[in-house]
Amino acid sequence: MTALNTYRRWLARVEDDALRAELSALDEVRDAAQIEDRFYRDLAFGTGGLRGVLGAGTNRMNVYVVRRATQGLAAYLKAAGLPLRCAIAYDSRIGSARFARETARVLAANGVTAYLYPRLEPTPALSWAVRYYGCGEPQPRRLQRLQGLRSRRLPDHARGGGCRIEAHRGRGSF
């Protein structure tokens, strides 16, 4: 599917008022370069997670992209036989609290227990919650060792997640 076709599909289906206005503005000025940049690919996971410019499009950070990625995460947890529990925290960046809530909703809809912090917390608090609630890999010692590695290479069990997320392209997100 071309970027223009994906853009048109989003324009017809987006429910978020701010994103709809952003897409409509692109349509009015016929900004082909912006449409291409926003829709030529899906926002990719990097070593720091799913990060990108806020805005409308598959190559932007928005509630639809977060929901789709979370759907892939839920499918991965189930397929890998990992505990169906996730701890979720957020930071002070724009949209972070909403993205955390949407993540919890998608996980809950998939039968995954989501432990969502109700306010900003320091990173060690999330690490504590992951261990306390038993989120993650069933062998905590191995997980701790993998987290301690300095390599940017993802552990074998984590690399499959991208495939699961790709499998959800078009499901629940136009």
C-alpha atoms as a PDB file:
ATOM      1  CA  MET A   1       0.000   0.000   0.000  1.00  0.00           C
ATOM      2  CA  THR A   2       1.348   3.419  -0.879  1.00  0.00           C
ATOM      3  CA  ALA A   3       1.823   6.254   1.582  1.00  0.00           C
ATOM      4  CA  LEU A   4      -0.961   8.209  -0.120  1.00  0.00           C
ATOM      5  CA  ASN A   5      -3.412   5.299   0.177  1.00  0.00           C
ATOM      6  CA  THR A   6      -2.535   4.821   3.840  1.00  0.00           C
ATOM      7  CA  TYR A   7      -2.998   8.555   4.413  1.00  0.00           C
ATOM      8  CA  ARG A   8      -6.442   8.483   2.786  1.00  0.00           C
ATOM      9  CA  ARG A   9      -7.443   5.488   4.916  1.00  0.00           C
ATOM     10  CA  TRP A  10      -6.373   7.325   8.078  1.00  0.00           C
ATOM     11  CA  LEU A  11      -8.131  10.519   6.996  1.00  0.00           C
ATOM     12  CA  ALA A  12     -11.391   8.594   6.546  1.00  0.00           C
ATOM     13  CA  ARG A  13     -11.183   6.700   9.836  1.00  0.00           C
ATOM     14  CA  VAL A  14      -9.308   8.706  12.472  1.00  0.00           C
ATOM     15  CA  GLU A  15     -11.455   9.562  15.488  1.00  0.00           C
ATOM     16  CA  ASP A  16      -9.040  11.729  17.482  1.00  0.00           C
ATOM     17  CA  ASP A  17      -9.982  15.388  16.828  1.00  0.00           C
ATOM     18  CA  ALA A  18      -6.425  16.746  16.979  1.00  0.00           C
ATOM     19  CA  LEU A  19      -5.094  14.105  14.598  1.00  0.00           C
ATOM     20  CA  ARG A  20      -8.047  14.589  12.246  1.00  0.00           C
ATOM     21  CA  ALA A  21      -7.353  18.341  12.097  1.00  0.00           C
ATOM     22  CA  GLU A  22      -3.676  17.662  11.414  1.00  0.00           C
ATOM     23  CA  LEU A  23      -4.531  15.277   8.571  1.00  0.00           C
ATOM     24  CA  SER A  24      -7.133  17.636   7.124  1.00  0.00           C
ATOM     25  CA  ALA A  25      -4.595  20.466   7.055  1.00  0.00           C
ATOM     26  CA  LEU A  26      -2.262  18.277   4.986  1.00  0.00           C
ATOM     27  CA  ASP A  27      -5.113  17.545   2.597  1.00  0.00           C
ATOM     28  CA  GLU A  28      -5.896  21.233   2.148  1.00  0.00           C
ATOM     29  CA  VAL A  29      -2.348  22.205   1.177  1.00  0.00           C
ATOM     30  CA  ARG A  30      -1.682  18.973  -0.719  1.00  0.00           C
ATOM     31  CA  ASP A  31       1.710  18.555   0.945  1.00  0.00           C
ATOM     32  CA  ALA A  32       2.883  15.353  -0.754  1.00  0.00           C
ATOM     33  CA  ALA A  33       6.294  15.375   0.963  1.00  0.00           C
ATOM     34  CA  GLN A  34       4.707  15.546   4.438  1.00  0.00           C
ATOM     35  CA  ILE A  35       2.198  12.814   3.583  1.00  0.00           C
ATOM     36  CA  GLU A  36       5.028  10.612   2.307  1.00  0.00           C
ATOM     37  CA  ASP A  37       7.128  11.216   5.424  1.00  0.00           C
ATOM     38  CA  ARG A  38       4.252  10.464   7.797  1.00  0.00           C
ATOM     39  CA  PHE A  39       3.012   7.318   6.036  1.00  0.00           C
ATOM     40  CA  TYR A  40       5.862   5.710   4.078  1.00  0.00           C
ATOM     41  CA  ARG A  41       6.651   3.276   6.899  1.00  0.00           C
ATOM     42  CA  ASP A  42       5.629   2.203  10.369  1.00  0.00           C
ATOM     43  CA  LEU A  43       7.376   3.766  13.334  1.00  0.00           C
ATOM     44  CA  ALA A  44      10.082   1.287  14.336  1.00  0.00           C
ATOM     45  CA  PHE A  45      11.314   0.083  17.701  1.00  0.00           C
ATOM     46  CA  GLY A  46      14.840   1.164  18.493  1.00  0.00           C
ATOM     47  CA  THR A  47      17.130   0.417  21.393  1.00  0.00           C
ATOM     48  CA  GLY A  48      15.155   2.953  23.469  1.00  0.00           C
ATOM     49  CA  GLY A  49      11.762   1.508  22.565  1.00  0.00           C
ATOM     50  CA  LEU A  50       9.073   3.037  20.376  1.00  0.00           C
ATOM     51  CA  ARG A  51       9.939   6.702  19.938  1.00  0.00           C
ATOM     52  CA  GLY A  52       9.164   9.304  17.333  1.00  0.00           C
ATOM     53  CA  VAL A  53       7.810  12.705  16.479  1.00  0.00           C
ATOM     54  CA  LEU A  54       4.300  13.294  17.847  1.00  0.00           C
ATOM     55  CA  GLY A  55       1.667  13.581  15.149  1.00  0.00           C
ATOM     56  CA  ALA A  56      -0.650  11.839  12.731  1.00  0.00           C
ATOM     57  CA  GLY A  57       0.680   8.967  10.661  1.00  0.00           C
ATOM     58  CA  THR A  58       2.150   5.507  10.831  1.00  0.00           C
ATOM     59  CA  ASN A  59       5.652   7.016  11.125  1.00  0.00           C
ATOM     60  CA  ARG A  60       4.654   9.265  14.034  1.00  0.00           C
ATOM     61  CA  MET A  61       3.990   8.696  17.707  1.00  0.00           C
ATOM     62  CA  ASN A  62       0.256   8.721  18.351  1.00  0.00           C
ATOM     63  CA  VAL A  63      -2.417   6.713  20.116  1.00  0.00           C
ATOM     64  CA  TYR A  64      -3.087   4.474  17.095  1.00  0.00           C
ATOM     65  CA  VAL A  65       0.563   3.488  16.717  1.00  0.00           C
ATOM     66  CA  VAL A  66       0.806   2.832  20.475  1.00  0.00           C
ATOM     67  CA  ARG A  67      -2.304   0.647  20.401  1.00  0.00           C
ATOM     68  CA  ARG A  68      -1.029  -1.400  17.470  1.00  0.00           C
ATOM     69  CA  ALA A  69       2.378  -1.930  19.068  1.00  0.00           C
ATOM     70  CA  THR A  70       0.704  -2.943  22.331  1.00  0.00           C
ATOM     71  CA  GLN A  71      -1.513  -5.433  20.498  1.00  0.00           C
ATOM     72  CA  GLY A  72       1.663  -6.975  19.100  1.00  0.00           C
ATOM     73  CA  LEU A  73       3.197  -7.083  22.587  1.00  0.00           C
ATOM     74  CA  ALA A  74       0.135  -8.883  23.975  1.00  0.00           C
ATOM     75  CA  ALA A  75       0.269 -11.432  21.151  1.00  0.00           C
ATOM     76  CA  TYR A  76       3.979 -11.937  21.770  1.00  0.00           C
ATOM     77  CA  LEU A  77       3.513 -12.507  25.513  1.00  0.00           C
ATOM     78  CA  LYS A  78       0.859 -15.129  24.825  1.00  0.00           C
ATOM     79  CA  ALA A  79       2.781 -16.903  22.059  1.00  0.00           C
ATOM     80  CA  ALA A  80       6.034 -16.961  24.042  1.00  0.00           C
ATOM     81  CA  GLY A  81       4.363 -18.336  27.150  1.00  0.00           C
ATOM     82  CA  LEU A  82       5.567 -15.401  29.242  1.00  0.00           C
ATOM     83  CA  PRO A  83       3.601 -14.181  32.265  1.00  0.00           C
ATOM     84  CA  LEU A  84       0.556 -12.176  31.211  1.00  0.00           C
ATOM     85  CA  ARG A  85       1.474  -9.246  33.448  1.00  0.00           C
ATOM     86  CA  CYS A  86       2.961  -5.859  32.599  1.00  0.00           C
ATOM     87  CA  ALA A  87       3.986  -2.922  34.750  1.00  0.00           C
ATOM     88  CA  ILE A  88       3.496   0.462  33.089  1.00  0.00           C
ATOM     89  CA  ALA A  89       4.893   3.846  34.049  1.00  0.00           C
ATOM     90  CA  TYR A  90       5.240   7.090  32.145  1.00  0.00           C
ATOM     91  CA  ASP A  91       7.327  10.226  32.126  1.00  0.00           C
ATOM     92  CA  SER A  92       6.559  13.928  31.777  1.00  0.00           C
ATOM     93  CA  ARG A  93       6.734  14.093  27.979  1.00  0.00           C
ATOM     94  CA  ILE A  94       3.685  15.246  26.052  1.00  0.00           C
ATOM     95  CA  GLY A  95       1.146  12.437  25.654  1.00  0.00           C
ATOM     96  CA  SER A  96       3.032   9.990  27.843  1.00  0.00           C
ATOM     97  CA  ALA A  97       0.223   9.555  30.403  1.00  0.00           C
ATOM     98  CA  ARG A  98      -2.365   8.988  27.674  1.00  0.00           C
ATOM     99  CA  PHE A  99      -0.134   6.493  25.889  1.00  0.00           C
ATOM    100  CA  ALA A 100       0.331   4.619  29.178  1.00  0.00           C
ATOM    101  CA  ARG A 101      -3.449   4.467  29.748  1.00  0.00           C
ATOM    102  CA  GLU A 102      -4.071   3.244  26.195  1.00  0.00           C
ATOM    103  CA  THR A 103      -1.361   0.622  26.626  1.00  0.00           C
ATOM    104  CA  ALA A 104      -3.049  -0.633  29.794  1.00  0.00           C
ATOM    105  CA  ARG A 105      -6.434  -0.759  28.035  1.00  0.00           C
ATOM    106  CA  VAL A 106      -5.152  -2.811  25.108  1.00  0.00           C
ATOM    107  CA  LEU A 107      -3.310  -5.198  27.396  1.00  0.00           C
ATOM    108  CA  ALA A 108      -6.400  -5.642  29.596  1.00  0.00           C
ATOM    109  CA  ALA A 109      -8.563  -6.308  26.526  1.00  0.00           C
ATOM    110  CA  ASN A 110      -6.149  -9.128  25.680  1.00  0.00           C
ATOM    111  CA  GLY A 111      -6.273 -10.705  29.132  1.00  0.00           C
ATOM    112  CA  VAL A 112      -2.934  -9.268  30.232  1.00  0.00           C
ATOM    113  CA  THR A 113      -2.905  -7.787  33.734  1.00  0.00           C
ATOM    114  CA  ALA A 114      -1.625  -4.221  33.552  1.00  0.00           C
ATOM    115  CA  TYR A 115      -0.194  -2.507  36.625  1.00  0.00           C
ATOM    116  CA  LEU A 116      -0.325   1.193  35.776  1.00  0.00           C
ATOM    117  CA  TYR A 117       1.269   3.820  37.992  1.00  0.00           C
ATOM    118  CA  PRO A 118      -1.260   6.624  38.630  1.00  0.00           C
ATOM    119  CA  ARG A 119       1.395   9.354  38.591  1.00  0.00           C
ATOM    120  CA  LEU A 120       4.957  10.102  37.558  1.00  0.00           C
ATOM    121  CA  GLU A 121       7.483   7.862  39.277  1.00  0.00           C
ATOM    122  CA  PRO A 122      11.256   7.536  38.967  1.00  0.00           C
ATOM    123  CA  THR A 123      12.556   4.703  36.764  1.00  0.00           C
ATOM    124  CA  PRO A 124      13.609   2.512  39.732  1.00  0.00           C
ATOM    125  CA  ALA A 125       9.946   2.385  40.795  1.00  0.00           C
ATOM    126  CA  LEU A 126       9.045   0.684  37.511  1.00  0.00           C
ATOM    127  CA  SER A 127      11.931  -1.752  37.916  1.00  0.00           C
ATOM    128  CA  TRP A 128      10.616  -2.558  41.379  1.00  0.00           C
ATOM    129  CA  ALA A 129       7.070  -3.128  40.041  1.00  0.00           C
ATOM    130  CA  VAL A 130       8.321  -5.462  37.305  1.00  0.00           C
ATOM    131  CA  ARG A 131      10.024  -7.658  39.891  1.00  0.00           C
ATOM    132  CA  TYR A 132       7.298  -7.345  42.549  1.00  0.00           C
ATOM    133  CA  TYR A 133       4.439  -8.280  40.191  1.00  0.00           C
ATOM    134  CA  GLY A 134       6.445 -10.924  38.317  1.00  0.00           C
ATOM    135  CA  CYS A 135       6.257  -9.235  34.936  1.00  0.00           C
ATOM    136  CA  GLY A 136       8.600 -10.399  32.216  1.00  0.00           C
ATOM    137  CA  GLU A 137      10.494 -13.602  31.753  1.00  0.00           C
ATOM    138  CA  PRO A 138       9.700 -16.488  34.107  1.00  0.00           C
ATOM    139  CA  GLN A 139      13.413 -16.877  34.988  1.00  0.00           C
ATOM    140  CA  PRO A 140      14.314 -13.648  36.823  1.00  0.00           C
ATOM    141  CA  ARG A 141      18.020 -14.475  37.113  1.00  0.00           C
ATOM    142  CA  ARG A 142      18.390 -14.775  33.343  1.00  0.00           C
ATOM    143  CA  LEU A 143      16.429 -11.564  32.823  1.00  0.00           C
ATOM    144  CA  GLN A 144      18.617  -9.705  35.287  1.00  0.00           C
ATOM    145  CA  ARG A 145      21.731 -10.952  33.495  1.00  0.00           C
ATOM    146  CA  LEU A 146      20.395  -9.873  30.092  1.00  0.00           C
ATOM    147  CA  GLN A 147      19.584  -6.417  31.399  1.00  0.00           C
ATOM    148  CA  GLY A 148      23.142  -6.097  32.664  1.00  0.00           C
ATOM    149  CA  LEU A 149      24.715  -6.720  29.260  1.00  0.00           C
ATOM    150  CA  ARG A 150      26.185  -3.667  27.549  1.00  0.00           C
ATOM    151  CA  SER A 151      25.385  -4.976  24.077  1.00  0.00           C
ATOM    152  CA  ARG A 152      22.768  -3.240  21.950  1.00  0.00           C
ATOM    153  CA  ARG A 153      21.732  -6.643  20.576  1.00  0.00           C
ATOM    154  CA  LEU A 154      18.277  -7.690  21.719  1.00  0.00           C
ATOM    155  CA  PRO A 155      17.915 -11.003  23.548  1.00  0.00           C
ATOM    156  CA  ASP A 156      16.507 -13.815  21.401  1.00  0.00           C
ATOM    157  CA  HIS A 157      13.099 -13.731  23.095  1.00  0.00           C
ATOM    158  CA  ALA A 158      12.707  -9.996  22.409  1.00  0.00           C
ATOM    159  CA  ARG A 159      13.543 -10.060  18.699  1.00  0.00           C
ATOM    160  CA  GLY A 160      10.354 -11.955  17.851  1.00  0.00           C
ATOM    161  CA  GLY A 161       8.190  -9.128  19.159  1.00  0.00           C
ATOM    162  CA  GLY A 162       8.696  -6.998  16.056  1.00  0.00           C
ATOM    163  CA  CYS A 163       7.317  -9.796  13.887  1.00  0.00           C
ATOM    164  CA  ARG A 164       4.232 -10.046  16.067  1.00  0.00           C
ATOM    165  CA  ILE A 165       3.722  -6.300  15.901  1.00  0.00           C
ATOM    166  CA  GLU A 166       4.079  -6.352  12.108  1.00  0.00           C
ATOM    167  CA  ALA A 167       1.455  -9.114  11.984  1.00  0.00           C
ATOM    168  CA  HIS A 168      -1.011  -6.645  13.517  1.00  0.00           C
ATOM    169  CA  ARG A 169      -0.600  -4.090  10.731  1.00  0.00           C
ATOM    170  CA  GLY A 170      -4.072  -2.906   9.848  1.00  0.00           C
ATOM    171  CA  ARG A 171      -5.760  -4.509  12.852  1.00  0.00           C
ATOM    172  CA  GLY A 172      -7.225  -2.022  15.292  1.00  0.00           C
ATOM    173  CA  SER A 173      -5.306   0.797  13.657  1.00  0.00           C
ATOM    174  CA  PHE A 174      -6.939   1.292  10.271  1.00  0.00           C
END
